[in-house]
Amino acid sequence: MIELGFCVPELQVLVEDPSRPGCEFRVDYVWETGVARPIFGELDGAAKYAERGSSGEKVSGRALLAERRRESRLTLYGASIMRFSFEEAKNRPFFKELLERYGVPRRLASTEMPRDFAV
């Protein structure tokens, strides 16, 4: 995302569960957009949804339900939630379009550096 010219997000941000004070979620990426609506980015991996049983690997219903509940709580912040996989992030044209559609802010061009920027 940085190589594509987008702003560097805050990483692994703790966000309080608005329905359960004192409980927190960790969000993979957070972009503040300068408006009231932040963008939360979630890199999805299959490992947290997999269970090993006698029949091999299967999707955990509990893990999926917990993730859906978590995402539902995060939407109470009015945030856009952009979910993507590692494979999608490696597909530069697709990932660039995804970041643009979610409104992830762009970095300033090198000719537009702020005046207080120290080299």
PDB file of N, CA and C in Angstrom:
ATOM      1  N   MET A   1       0.822  -1.200   0.000  1.00  0.00           N
ATOM      2  CA  MET A   1       0.000   0.000   0.000  1.00  0.00           C
ATOM      3  C   MET A   1       0.860   1.255   0.000  1.00  0.00           C
ATOM      4  N   ILE A   2       1.972   1.203   0.699  1.00  0.00           N
ATOM      5  CA  ILE A   2       2.872   2.360   0.729  1.00  0.00           C
ATOM      6  C   ILE A   2       3.499   2.554  -0.647  1.00  0.00           C
ATOM      7  N   GLU A   3       3.932   1.443  -1.272  1.00  0.00           N
ATOM      8  CA  GLU A   3       4.512   1.526  -2.610  1.00  0.00           C
ATOM      9  C   GLU A   3       3.505   2.035  -3.631  1.00  0.00           C
ATOM     10  N   LEU A   4       2.225   1.851  -3.370  1.00  0.00           N
ATOM     11  CA  LEU A   4       1.175   2.321  -4.275  1.00  0.00           C
ATOM     12  C   LEU A   4       0.824   3.785  -4.034  1.00  0.00           C
ATOM     13  N   GLY A   5       1.477   4.416  -3.047  1.00  0.00           N
ATOM     14  CA  GLY A   5       1.281   5.845  -2.812  1.00  0.00           C
ATOM     15  C   GLY A   5       0.236   6.201  -1.772  1.00  0.00           C
ATOM     16  N   PHE A   6      -0.193   5.221  -0.980  1.00  0.00           N
ATOM     17  CA  PHE A   6      -1.208   5.495   0.035  1.00  0.00           C
ATOM     18  C   PHE A   6      -0.550   5.813   1.374  1.00  0.00           C
ATOM     19  N   CYS A   7      -1.275   6.508   2.215  1.00  0.00           N
ATOM     20  CA  CYS A   7      -0.767   6.887   3.538  1.00  0.00           C
ATOM     21  C   CYS A   7      -0.464   5.649   4.375  1.00  0.00           C
ATOM     22  N   VAL A   8       0.513   5.779   5.225  1.00  0.00           N
ATOM     23  CA  VAL A   8       0.874   4.708   6.147  1.00  0.00           C
ATOM     24  C   VAL A   8      -0.208   4.638   7.225  1.00  0.00           C
ATOM     25  N   PRO A   9      -0.813   3.468   7.420  1.00  0.00           N
ATOM     26  CA  PRO A   9      -1.843   3.349   8.451  1.00  0.00           C
ATOM     27  C   PRO A   9      -1.227   3.161   9.829  1.00  0.00           C
ATOM     28  N   GLU A  10      -2.043   3.382  10.856  1.00  0.00           N
ATOM     29  CA  GLU A  10      -1.658   2.959  12.204  1.00  0.00           C
ATOM     30  C   GLU A  10      -1.841   1.445  12.230  1.00  0.00           C
ATOM     31  N   LEU A  11      -0.929   0.745  12.884  1.00  0.00           N
ATOM     32  CA  LEU A  11      -0.952  -0.718  12.888  1.00  0.00           C
ATOM     33  C   LEU A  11      -1.353  -1.271  14.246  1.00  0.00           C
ATOM     34  N   GLN A  12      -2.124  -2.357  14.209  1.00  0.00           N
ATOM     35  CA  GLN A  12      -2.501  -3.096  15.415  1.00  0.00           C
ATOM     36  C   GLN A  12      -3.058  -2.169  16.492  1.00  0.00           C
ATOM     37  N   VAL A  13      -4.109  -1.450  16.130  1.00  0.00           N
ATOM     38  CA  VAL A  13      -4.706  -0.445  17.010  1.00  0.00           C
ATOM     39  C   VAL A  13      -5.753  -1.100  17.908  1.00  0.00           C
ATOM     40  N   LEU A  14      -5.669  -0.818  19.201  1.00  0.00           N
ATOM     41  CA  LEU A  14      -6.685  -1.306  20.137  1.00  0.00           C
ATOM     42  C   LEU A  14      -7.886  -0.372  20.091  1.00  0.00           C
ATOM     43  N   VAL A  15      -9.065  -0.967  19.876  1.00  0.00           N
ATOM     44  CA  VAL A  15     -10.313  -0.216  19.780  1.00  0.00           C
ATOM     45  C   VAL A  15     -11.281  -0.812  20.791  1.00  0.00           C
ATOM     46  N   GLU A  16     -11.871   0.034  21.616  1.00  0.00           N
ATOM     47  CA  GLU A  16     -12.800  -0.464  22.634  1.00  0.00           C
ATOM     48  C   GLU A  16     -14.091  -0.958  21.984  1.00  0.00           C
ATOM     49  N   ASP A  17     -14.606  -2.067  22.496  1.00  0.00           N
ATOM     50  CA  ASP A  17     -15.902  -2.585  22.054  1.00  0.00           C
ATOM     51  C   ASP A  17     -16.959  -1.621  22.577  1.00  0.00           C
ATOM     52  N   PRO A  18     -17.660  -0.890  21.694  1.00  0.00           N
ATOM     53  CA  PRO A  18     -18.614   0.114  22.169  1.00  0.00           C
ATOM     54  C   PRO A  18     -19.799  -0.476  22.930  1.00  0.00           C
ATOM     55  N   SER A  19     -20.038  -1.770  22.782  1.00  0.00           N
ATOM     56  CA  SER A  19     -21.158  -2.376  23.499  1.00  0.00           C
ATOM     57  C   SER A  19     -20.729  -3.025  24.815  1.00  0.00           C
ATOM     58  N   ARG A  20     -19.406  -3.116  25.044  1.00  0.00           N
ATOM     59  CA  ARG A  20     -18.894  -3.713  26.281  1.00  0.00           C
ATOM     60  C   ARG A  20     -17.678  -2.932  26.749  1.00  0.00           C
ATOM     61  N   PRO A  21     -17.895  -1.838  27.474  1.00  0.00           N
ATOM     62  CA  PRO A  21     -16.766  -1.034  27.955  1.00  0.00           C
ATOM     63  C   PRO A  21     -15.745  -1.896  28.695  1.00  0.00           C
ATOM     64  N   GLY A  22     -14.482  -1.619  28.424  1.00  0.00           N
ATOM     65  CA  GLY A  22     -13.402  -2.385  29.035  1.00  0.00           C
ATOM     66  C   GLY A  22     -12.904  -3.525  28.167  1.00  0.00           C
ATOM     67  N   CYS A  23     -13.696  -3.943  27.183  1.00  0.00           N
ATOM     68  CA  CYS A  23     -13.270  -4.984  26.248  1.00  0.00           C
ATOM     69  C   CYS A  23     -12.737  -4.307  24.992  1.00  0.00           C
ATOM     70  N   GLU A  24     -11.695  -4.882  24.426  1.00  0.00           N
ATOM     71  CA  GLU A  24     -11.060  -4.260  23.267  1.00  0.00           C
ATOM     72  C   GLU A  24     -10.891  -5.251  22.121  1.00  0.00           C
ATOM     73  N   PHE A  25     -10.837  -4.681  20.920  1.00  0.00           N
ATOM     74  CA  PHE A  25     -10.503  -5.421  19.716  1.00  0.00           C
ATOM     75  C   PHE A  25      -9.199  -4.848  19.183  1.00  0.00           C
ATOM     76  N   ARG A  26      -8.438  -5.652  18.487  1.00  0.00           N
ATOM     77  CA  ARG A  26      -7.233  -5.167  17.816  1.00  0.00           C
ATOM     78  C   ARG A  26      -7.541  -5.115  16.318  1.00  0.00           C
ATOM     79  N   VAL A  27      -7.395  -3.921  15.741  1.00  0.00           N
ATOM     80  CA  VAL A  27      -7.643  -3.719  14.315  1.00  0.00           C
ATOM     81  C   VAL A  27      -6.289  -3.687  13.609  1.00  0.00           C
ATOM     82  N   ASP A  28      -6.166  -4.422  12.503  1.00  0.00           N
ATOM     83  CA  ASP A  28      -4.884  -4.529  11.801  1.00  0.00           C
ATOM     84  C   ASP A  28      -4.375  -3.183  11.299  1.00  0.00           C
ATOM     85  N   TYR A  29      -5.234  -2.417  10.624  1.00  0.00           N
ATOM     86  CA  TYR A  29      -4.839  -1.133  10.027  1.00  0.00           C
ATOM     87  C   TYR A  29      -5.926  -0.100  10.294  1.00  0.00           C
ATOM     88  N   VAL A  30      -5.520   1.128  10.599  1.00  0.00           N
ATOM     89  CA  VAL A  30      -6.482   2.222  10.760  1.00  0.00           C
ATOM     90  C   VAL A  30      -5.957   3.440  10.011  1.00  0.00           C
ATOM     91  N   TRP A  31      -6.822   3.997   9.157  1.00  0.00           N
ATOM     92  CA  TRP A  31      -6.525   5.257   8.483  1.00  0.00           C
ATOM     93  C   TRP A  31      -7.530   6.286   8.971  1.00  0.00           C
ATOM     94  N   GLU A  32      -7.047   7.402   9.423  1.00  0.00           N
ATOM     95  CA  GLU A  32      -7.913   8.537   9.737  1.00  0.00           C
ATOM     96  C   GLU A  32      -8.021   9.345   8.449  1.00  0.00           C
ATOM     97  N   THR A  33      -9.225   9.699   8.075  1.00  0.00           N
ATOM     98  CA  THR A  33      -9.446  10.334   6.776  1.00  0.00           C
ATOM     99  C   THR A  33      -9.623  11.839   6.855  1.00  0.00           C
ATOM    100  N   GLY A  34      -9.623  12.394   8.063  1.00  0.00           N
ATOM    101  CA  GLY A  34      -9.867  13.828   8.198  1.00  0.00           C
ATOM    102  C   GLY A  34     -11.348  14.148   8.279  1.00  0.00           C
ATOM    103  N   VAL A  35     -12.182  13.144   8.145  1.00  0.00           N
ATOM    104  CA  VAL A  35     -13.626  13.291   8.346  1.00  0.00           C
ATOM    105  C   VAL A  35     -14.001  12.352   9.488  1.00  0.00           C
ATOM    106  N   ALA A  36     -15.261  12.321   9.819  1.00  0.00           N
ATOM    107  CA  ALA A  36     -15.699  11.551  10.990  1.00  0.00           C
ATOM    108  C   ALA A  36     -15.580  10.041  10.801  1.00  0.00           C
ATOM    109  N   ARG A  37     -15.375   9.576   9.594  1.00  0.00           N
ATOM    110  CA  ARG A  37     -15.432   8.143   9.306  1.00  0.00           C
ATOM    111  C   ARG A  37     -14.035   7.558   9.079  1.00  0.00           C
ATOM    112  N   PRO A  38     -13.484   6.828  10.057  1.00  0.00           N
ATOM    113  CA  PRO A  38     -12.180   6.189   9.836  1.00  0.00           C
ATOM    114  C   PRO A  38     -12.331   4.973   8.922  1.00  0.00           C
ATOM    115  N   ILE A  39     -11.216   4.468   8.449  1.00  0.00           N
ATOM    116  CA  ILE A  39     -11.203   3.245   7.654  1.00  0.00           C
ATOM    117  C   ILE A  39     -10.405   2.213   8.433  1.00  0.00           C
ATOM    118  N   PHE A  40     -11.027   1.065   8.693  1.00  0.00           N
ATOM    119  CA  PHE A  40     -10.352  -0.044   9.349  1.00  0.00           C
ATOM    120  C   PHE A  40      -9.992  -1.062   8.273  1.00  0.00           C
ATOM    121  N   GLY A  41      -8.752  -1.499   8.245  1.00  0.00           N
ATOM    122  CA  GLY A  41      -8.316  -2.538   7.318  1.00  0.00           C
ATOM    123  C   GLY A  41      -8.043  -3.822   8.075  1.00  0.00           C
ATOM    124  N   GLU A  42      -8.555  -4.916   7.543  1.00  0.00           N
ATOM    125  CA  GLU A  42      -8.381  -6.212   8.185  1.00  0.00           C
ATOM    126  C   GLU A  42      -7.791  -7.193   7.183  1.00  0.00           C
ATOM    127  N   LEU A  43      -6.589  -7.667   7.474  1.00  0.00           N
ATOM    128  CA  LEU A  43      -5.930  -8.672   6.646  1.00  0.00           C
ATOM    129  C   LEU A  43      -6.430 -10.037   7.098  1.00  0.00           C
ATOM    130  N   ASP A  44      -7.166 -10.697   6.227  1.00  0.00           N
ATOM    131  CA  ASP A  44      -7.769 -11.982   6.577  1.00  0.00           C
ATOM    132  C   ASP A  44      -6.808 -13.124   6.312  1.00  0.00           C
ATOM    133  N   GLY A  45      -6.684 -13.980   7.287  1.00  0.00           N
ATOM    134  CA  GLY A  45      -5.913 -15.213   7.135  1.00  0.00           C
ATOM    135  C   GLY A  45      -6.814 -16.385   7.469  1.00  0.00           C
ATOM    136  N   ALA A  46      -6.638 -17.483   6.793  1.00  0.00           N
ATOM    137  CA  ALA A  46      -7.501 -18.643   6.997  1.00  0.00           C
ATOM    138  C   ALA A  46      -7.194 -19.377   8.297  1.00  0.00           C
ATOM    139  N   ALA A  47      -6.005 -19.199   8.842  1.00  0.00           N
ATOM    140  CA  ALA A  47      -5.582 -19.991  10.007  1.00  0.00           C
ATOM    141  C   ALA A  47      -6.503 -19.816  11.205  1.00  0.00           C
ATOM    142  N   LYS A  48      -6.982 -18.600  11.455  1.00  0.00           N
ATOM    143  CA  LYS A  48      -7.806 -18.397  12.651  1.00  0.00           C
ATOM    144  C   LYS A  48      -9.191 -19.016  12.524  1.00  0.00           C
ATOM    145  N   TYR A  49      -9.574 -19.397  11.302  1.00  0.00           N
ATOM    146  CA  TYR A  49     -10.883 -20.005  11.096  1.00  0.00           C
ATOM    147  C   TYR A  49     -10.808 -21.526  10.992  1.00  0.00           C
ATOM    148  N   ALA A  50      -9.615 -22.087  11.012  1.00  0.00           N
ATOM    149  CA  ALA A  50      -9.451 -23.522  10.796  1.00  0.00           C
ATOM    150  C   ALA A  50      -9.411 -24.274  12.114  1.00  0.00           C
ATOM    151  N   GLU A  51     -10.045 -25.417  12.103  1.00  0.00           N
ATOM    152  CA  GLU A  51      -9.990 -26.348  13.231  1.00  0.00           C
ATOM    153  C   GLU A  51      -9.456 -27.663  12.693  1.00  0.00           C
ATOM    154  N   ARG A  52      -8.670 -28.330  13.474  1.00  0.00           N
ATOM    155  CA  ARG A  52      -8.199 -29.659  13.067  1.00  0.00           C
ATOM    156  C   ARG A  52      -9.010 -30.691  13.848  1.00  0.00           C
ATOM    157  N   GLY A  53      -9.567 -31.578  13.124  1.00  0.00           N
ATOM    158  CA  GLY A  53     -10.314 -32.655  13.746  1.00  0.00           C
ATOM    159  C   GLY A  53      -9.936 -33.964  13.083  1.00  0.00           C
ATOM    160  N   SER A  54     -10.661 -35.016  13.400  1.00  0.00           N
ATOM    161  CA  SER A  54     -10.349 -36.317  12.814  1.00  0.00           C
ATOM    162  C   SER A  54     -10.560 -36.314  11.303  1.00  0.00           C
ATOM    163  N   SER A  55     -11.415 -35.423  10.815  1.00  0.00           N
ATOM    164  CA  SER A  55     -11.679 -35.366   9.371  1.00  0.00           C
ATOM    165  C   SER A  55     -10.767 -34.380   8.652  1.00  0.00           C
ATOM    166  N   GLY A  56      -9.739 -33.862   9.336  1.00  0.00           N
ATOM    167  CA  GLY A  56      -8.836 -32.895   8.707  1.00  0.00           C
ATOM    168  C   GLY A  56      -9.230 -31.484   9.079  1.00  0.00           C
ATOM    169  N   GLU A  57      -8.894 -30.547   8.204  1.00  0.00           N
ATOM    170  CA  GLU A  57      -9.139 -29.132   8.488  1.00  0.00           C
ATOM    171  C   GLU A  57     -10.554 -28.746   8.059  1.00  0.00           C
ATOM    172  N   LYS A  58     -11.228 -27.969   8.871  1.00  0.00           N
ATOM    173  CA  LYS A  58     -12.554 -27.464   8.516  1.00  0.00           C
ATOM    174  C   LYS A  58     -12.707 -26.056   9.071  1.00  0.00           C
ATOM    175  N   VAL A  59     -13.685 -25.359   8.585  1.00  0.00           N
ATOM    176  CA  VAL A  59     -13.932 -23.991   9.041  1.00  0.00           C
ATOM    177  C   VAL A  59     -14.641 -24.036  10.387  1.00  0.00           C
ATOM    178  N   SER A  60     -14.175 -23.234  11.307  1.00  0.00           N
ATOM    179  CA  SER A  60     -14.771 -23.173  12.631  1.00  0.00           C
ATOM    180  C   SER A  60     -15.969 -22.230  12.626  1.00  0.00           C
ATOM    181  N   GLY A  61     -17.129 -22.756  12.932  1.00  0.00           N
ATOM    182  CA  GLY A  61     -18.327 -21.929  13.024  1.00  0.00           C
ATOM    183  C   GLY A  61     -18.219 -20.902  14.135  1.00  0.00           C
ATOM    184  N   ARG A  62     -17.616 -21.294  15.254  1.00  0.00           N
ATOM    185  CA  ARG A  62     -17.452 -20.356  16.375  1.00  0.00           C
ATOM    186  C   ARG A  62     -16.564 -19.187  15.989  1.00  0.00           C
ATOM    187  N   ALA A  63     -15.466 -19.478  15.283  1.00  0.00           N
ATOM    188  CA  ALA A  63     -14.548 -18.406  14.877  1.00  0.00           C
ATOM    189  C   ALA A  63     -15.236 -17.445  13.911  1.00  0.00           C
ATOM    190  N   LEU A  64     -16.012 -17.980  12.983  1.00  0.00           N
ATOM    191  CA  LEU A  64     -16.726 -17.118  12.032  1.00  0.00           C
ATOM    192  C   LEU A  64     -17.760 -16.249  12.743  1.00  0.00           C
ATOM    193  N   LEU A  65     -18.500 -16.840  13.671  1.00  0.00           N
ATOM    194  CA  LEU A  65     -19.495 -16.064  14.415  1.00  0.00           C
ATOM    195  C   LEU A  65     -18.841 -14.976  15.253  1.00  0.00           C
ATOM    196  N   ALA A  66     -17.741 -15.304  15.905  1.00  0.00           N
ATOM    197  CA  ALA A  66     -17.032 -14.305  16.715  1.00  0.00           C
ATOM    198  C   ALA A  66     -16.525 -13.166  15.835  1.00  0.00           C
ATOM    199  N   GLU A  67     -16.017 -13.489  14.653  1.00  0.00           N
ATOM    200  CA  GLU A  67     -15.517 -12.458  13.745  1.00  0.00           C
ATOM    201  C   GLU A  67     -16.657 -11.580  13.227  1.00  0.00           C
ATOM    202  N   ARG A  68     -17.789 -12.170  12.926  1.00  0.00           N
ATOM    203  CA  ARG A  68     -18.948 -11.382  12.472  1.00  0.00           C
ATOM    204  C   ARG A  68     -19.434 -10.453  13.581  1.00  0.00           C
ATOM    205  N   ARG A  69     -19.455 -10.934  14.805  1.00  0.00           N
ATOM    206  CA  ARG A  69     -19.874 -10.114  15.947  1.00  0.00           C
ATOM    207  C   ARG A  69     -18.896  -8.954  16.145  1.00  0.00           C
ATOM    208  N   ARG A  70     -17.611  -9.245  16.063  1.00  0.00           N
ATOM    209  CA  ARG A  70     -16.567  -8.224  16.212  1.00  0.00           C
ATOM    210  C   ARG A  70     -16.726  -7.150  15.143  1.00  0.00           C
ATOM    211  N   GLU A  71     -16.898  -7.566  13.888  1.00  0.00           N
ATOM    212  CA  GLU A  71     -17.057  -6.599  12.804  1.00  0.00           C
ATOM    213  C   GLU A  71     -18.324  -5.769  12.992  1.00  0.00           C
ATOM    214  N   SER A  72     -19.385  -6.392  13.469  1.00  0.00           N
ATOM    215  CA  SER A  72     -20.621  -5.662  13.743  1.00  0.00           C
ATOM    216  C   SER A  72     -20.385  -4.565  14.777  1.00  0.00           C
ATOM    217  N   ARG A  73     -19.619  -4.877  15.819  1.00  0.00           N
ATOM    218  CA  ARG A  73     -19.321  -3.870  16.852  1.00  0.00           C
ATOM    219  C   ARG A  73     -18.457  -2.744  16.294  1.00  0.00           C
ATOM    220  N   LEU A  74     -17.494  -3.091  15.438  1.00  0.00           N
ATOM    221  CA  LEU A  74     -16.621  -2.068  14.857  1.00  0.00           C
ATOM    222  C   LEU A  74     -17.400  -1.096  13.974  1.00  0.00           C
ATOM    223  N   THR A  75     -18.469  -1.567  13.343  1.00  0.00           N
ATOM    224  CA  THR A  75     -19.261  -0.664  12.499  1.00  0.00           C
ATOM    225  C   THR A  75     -19.985   0.392  13.328  1.00  0.00           C
ATOM    226  N   LEU A  76     -20.120   0.167  14.635  1.00  0.00           N
ATOM    227  CA  LEU A  76     -20.749   1.177  15.484  1.00  0.00           C
ATOM    228  C   LEU A  76     -19.936   2.467  15.530  1.00  0.00           C
ATOM    229  N   TYR A  77     -18.665   2.392  15.150  1.00  0.00           N
ATOM    230  CA  TYR A  77     -17.825   3.593  15.066  1.00  0.00           C
ATOM    231  C   TYR A  77     -18.066   4.359  13.769  1.00  0.00           C
ATOM    232  N   GLY A  78     -18.918   3.837  12.899  1.00  0.00           N
ATOM    233  CA  GLY A  78     -19.154   4.482  11.613  1.00  0.00           C
ATOM    234  C   GLY A  78     -18.016   4.255  10.635  1.00  0.00           C
ATOM    235  N   ALA A  79     -17.152   3.313  10.950  1.00  0.00           N
ATOM    236  CA  ALA A  79     -15.973   3.055  10.118  1.00  0.00           C
ATOM    237  C   ALA A  79     -16.328   2.212   8.908  1.00  0.00           C
ATOM    238  N   SER A  80     -15.596   2.455   7.826  1.00  0.00           N
ATOM    239  CA  SER A  80     -15.601   1.522   6.704  1.00  0.00           C
ATOM    240  C   SER A  80     -14.637   0.409   7.082  1.00  0.00           C
ATOM    241  N   ILE A  81     -15.010  -0.824   6.796  1.00  0.00           N
ATOM    242  CA  ILE A  81     -14.141  -1.945   7.121  1.00  0.00           C
ATOM    243  C   ILE A  81     -13.742  -2.630   5.823  1.00  0.00           C
ATOM    244  N   MET A  82     -12.468  -2.511   5.490  1.00  0.00           N
ATOM    245  CA  MET A  82     -11.921  -3.080   4.266  1.00  0.00           C
ATOM    246  C   MET A  82     -11.223  -4.387   4.616  1.00  0.00           C
ATOM    247  N   ARG A  83     -11.787  -5.499   4.146  1.00  0.00           N
ATOM    248  CA  ARG A  83     -11.201  -6.812   4.394  1.00  0.00           C
ATOM    249  C   ARG A  83     -10.473  -7.251   3.134  1.00  0.00           C
ATOM    250  N   PHE A  84      -9.306  -7.835   3.315  1.00  0.00           N
ATOM    251  CA  PHE A  84      -8.559  -8.333   2.161  1.00  0.00           C
ATOM    252  C   PHE A  84      -7.639  -9.465   2.605  1.00  0.00           C
ATOM    253  N   SER A  85      -7.281 -10.294   1.642  1.00  0.00           N
ATOM    254  CA  SER A  85      -6.373 -11.409   1.905  1.00  0.00           C
ATOM    255  C   SER A  85      -4.960 -11.026   1.481  1.00  0.00           C
ATOM    256  N   PHE A  86      -4.004 -11.843   1.881  1.00  0.00           N
ATOM    257  CA  PHE A  86      -2.621 -11.615   1.482  1.00  0.00           C
ATOM    258  C   PHE A  86      -2.494 -11.722  -0.037  1.00  0.00           C
ATOM    259  N   GLU A  87      -3.197 -12.685  -0.626  1.00  0.00           N
ATOM    260  CA  GLU A  87      -3.165 -12.845  -2.087  1.00  0.00           C
ATOM    261  C   GLU A  87      -3.710 -11.596  -2.779  1.00  0.00           C
ATOM    262  N   GLU A  88      -4.779 -11.022  -2.253  1.00  0.00           N
ATOM    263  CA  GLU A  88      -5.332  -9.791  -2.842  1.00  0.00           C
ATOM    264  C   GLU A  88      -4.360  -8.629  -2.701  1.00  0.00           C
ATOM    265  N   ALA A  89      -3.668  -8.556  -1.572  1.00  0.00           N
ATOM    266  CA  ALA A  89      -2.703  -7.473  -1.360  1.00  0.00           C
ATOM    267  C   ALA A  89      -1.520  -7.592  -2.322  1.00  0.00           C
ATOM    268  N   LYS A  90      -1.170  -8.812  -2.719  1.00  0.00           N
ATOM    269  CA  LYS A  90      -0.071  -9.011  -3.667  1.00  0.00           C
ATOM    270  C   LYS A  90      -0.467  -8.659  -5.102  1.00  0.00           C
ATOM    271  N   ASN A  91      -1.760  -8.622  -5.384  1.00  0.00           N
ATOM    272  CA  ASN A  91      -2.255  -8.266  -6.720  1.00  0.00           C
ATOM    273  C   ASN A  91      -2.361  -6.741  -6.777  1.00  0.00           C
ATOM    274  N   ARG A  92      -1.277  -6.084  -7.199  1.00  0.00           N
ATOM    275  CA  ARG A  92      -1.166  -4.629  -7.120  1.00  0.00           C
ATOM    276  C   ARG A  92      -2.332  -3.882  -7.770  1.00  0.00           C
ATOM    277  N   PRO A  93      -2.731  -4.200  -9.011  1.00  0.00           N
ATOM    278  CA  PRO A  93      -3.850  -3.450  -9.609  1.00  0.00           C
ATOM    279  C   PRO A  93      -5.145  -3.603  -8.807  1.00  0.00           C
ATOM    280  N   PHE A  94      -5.435  -4.836  -8.379  1.00  0.00           N
ATOM    281  CA  PHE A  94      -6.645  -5.071  -7.591  1.00  0.00           C
ATOM    282  C   PHE A  94      -6.589  -4.316  -6.269  1.00  0.00           C
ATOM    283  N   PHE A  95      -5.444  -4.432  -5.567  1.00  0.00           N
ATOM    284  CA  PHE A  95      -5.311  -3.821  -4.249  1.00  0.00           C
ATOM    285  C   PHE A  95      -5.382  -2.299  -4.336  1.00  0.00           C
ATOM    286  N   LYS A  96      -4.762  -1.730  -5.348  1.00  0.00           N
ATOM    287  CA  LYS A  96      -4.816  -0.276  -5.557  1.00  0.00           C
ATOM    288  C   LYS A  96      -6.263   0.175  -5.732  1.00  0.00           C
ATOM    289  N   GLU A  97      -7.009  -0.551  -6.553  1.00  0.00           N
ATOM    290  CA  GLU A  97      -8.415  -0.194  -6.772  1.00  0.00           C
ATOM    291  C   GLU A  97      -9.224  -0.335  -5.484  1.00  0.00           C
ATOM    292  N   LEU A  98      -8.954  -1.373  -4.706  1.00  0.00           N
ATOM    293  CA  LEU A  98      -9.660  -1.580  -3.442  1.00  0.00           C
ATOM    294  C   LEU A  98      -9.398  -0.418  -2.484  1.00  0.00           C
ATOM    295  N   LEU A  99      -8.133  -0.038  -2.337  1.00  0.00           N
ATOM    296  CA  LEU A  99      -7.778   1.089  -1.470  1.00  0.00           C
ATOM    297  C   LEU A  99      -8.454   2.377  -1.937  1.00  0.00           C
ATOM    298  N   GLU A 100      -8.483   2.604  -3.244  1.00  0.00           N
ATOM    299  CA  GLU A 100      -9.135   3.800  -3.785  1.00  0.00           C
ATOM    300  C   GLU A 100     -10.633   3.785  -3.510  1.00  0.00           C
ATOM    301  N   ARG A 101     -11.271   2.647  -3.727  1.00  0.00           N
ATOM    302  CA  ARG A 101     -12.731   2.559  -3.527  1.00  0.00           C
ATOM    303  C   ARG A 101     -13.132   2.789  -2.072  1.00  0.00           C
ATOM    304  N   TYR A 102     -12.272   2.381  -1.148  1.00  0.00           N
ATOM    305  CA  TYR A 102     -12.556   2.614   0.268  1.00  0.00           C
ATOM    306  C   TYR A 102     -12.168   4.013   0.716  1.00  0.00           C
ATOM    307  N   GLY A 103     -11.503   4.762  -0.151  1.00  0.00           N
ATOM    308  CA  GLY A 103     -11.145   6.138   0.187  1.00  0.00           C
ATOM    309  C   GLY A 103      -9.923   6.276   1.066  1.00  0.00           C
ATOM    310  N   VAL A 104      -9.029   5.275   1.030  1.00  0.00           N
ATOM    311  CA  VAL A 104      -7.791   5.375   1.809  1.00  0.00           C
ATOM    312  C   VAL A 104      -7.012   6.577   1.282  1.00  0.00           C
ATOM    313  N   PRO A 105      -6.605   7.473   2.177  1.00  0.00           N
ATOM    314  CA  PRO A 105      -5.926   8.697   1.721  1.00  0.00           C
ATOM    315  C   PRO A 105      -4.568   8.408   1.090  1.00  0.00           C
ATOM    316  N   ARG A 106      -4.229   9.271   0.157  1.00  0.00           N
ATOM    317  CA  ARG A 106      -2.935   9.187  -0.536  1.00  0.00           C
ATOM    318  C   ARG A 106      -1.908  10.023   0.205  1.00  0.00           C
ATOM    319  N   ARG A 107      -0.632   9.635   0.064  1.00  0.00           N
ATOM    320  CA  ARG A 107       0.465  10.446   0.587  1.00  0.00           C
ATOM    321  C   ARG A 107       0.624  11.665  -0.297  1.00  0.00           C
ATOM    322  N   LEU A 108       1.237  12.697   0.266  1.00  0.00           N
ATOM    323  CA  LEU A 108       1.573  13.868  -0.530  1.00  0.00           C
ATOM    324  C   LEU A 108       2.669  13.498  -1.516  1.00  0.00           C
ATOM    325  N   ALA A 109       2.587  14.048  -2.719  1.00  0.00           N
ATOM    326  CA  ALA A 109       3.659  13.836  -3.693  1.00  0.00           C
ATOM    327  C   ALA A 109       4.919  14.509  -3.173  1.00  0.00           C
ATOM    328  N   SER A 110       6.069  14.083  -3.639  1.00  0.00           N
ATOM    329  CA  SER A 110       7.332  14.636  -3.140  1.00  0.00           C
ATOM    330  C   SER A 110       7.420  16.139  -3.358  1.00  0.00           C
ATOM    331  N   THR A 111       6.716  16.655  -4.354  1.00  0.00           N
ATOM    332  CA  THR A 111       6.725  18.102  -4.592  1.00  0.00           C
ATOM    333  C   THR A 111       5.747  18.825  -3.684  1.00  0.00           C
ATOM    334  N   GLU A 112       4.981  18.071  -2.899  1.00  0.00           N
ATOM    335  CA  GLU A 112       3.967  18.671  -2.034  1.00  0.00           C
ATOM    336  C   GLU A 112       4.280  18.434  -0.565  1.00  0.00           C
ATOM    337  N   MET A 113       5.549  18.301  -0.210  1.00  0.00           N
ATOM    338  CA  MET A 113       5.913  18.064   1.182  1.00  0.00           C
ATOM    339  C   MET A 113       5.516  19.259   2.040  1.00  0.00           C
ATOM    340  N   PRO A 114       4.992  19.010   3.229  1.00  0.00           N
ATOM    341  CA  PRO A 114       4.638  20.118   4.111  1.00  0.00           C
ATOM    342  C   PRO A 114       5.864  20.961   4.446  1.00  0.00           C
ATOM    343  N   ARG A 115       5.639  22.234   4.700  1.00  0.00           N
ATOM    344  CA  ARG A 115       6.747  23.162   4.974  1.00  0.00           C
ATOM    345  C   ARG A 115       7.532  22.778   6.220  1.00  0.00           C
ATOM    346  N   ASP A 116       6.875  22.181   7.211  1.00  0.00           N
ATOM    347  CA  ASP A 116       7.575  21.852   8.448  1.00  0.00           C
ATOM    348  C   ASP A 116       8.258  20.486   8.387  1.00  0.00           C
ATOM    349  N   PHE A 117       8.278  19.874   7.216  1.00  0.00           N
ATOM    350  CA  PHE A 117       8.917  18.573   7.047  1.00  0.00           C
ATOM    351  C   PHE A 117      10.429  18.731   7.087  1.00  0.00           C
ATOM    352  N   ALA A 118      11.077  18.026   8.001  1.00  0.00           N
ATOM    353  CA  ALA A 118      12.541  18.124   8.136  1.00  0.00           C
ATOM    354  C   ALA A 118      13.197  16.942   7.440  1.00  0.00           C
ATOM    355  N   VAL A 119      14.219  17.204   6.680  1.00  0.00           N
ATOM    356  CA  VAL A 119      14.943  16.140   5.978  1.00  0.00           C
ATOM    357  C   VAL A 119      16.150  15.731   6.784  1.00  0.00           C
TER     358      VAL A 119
END
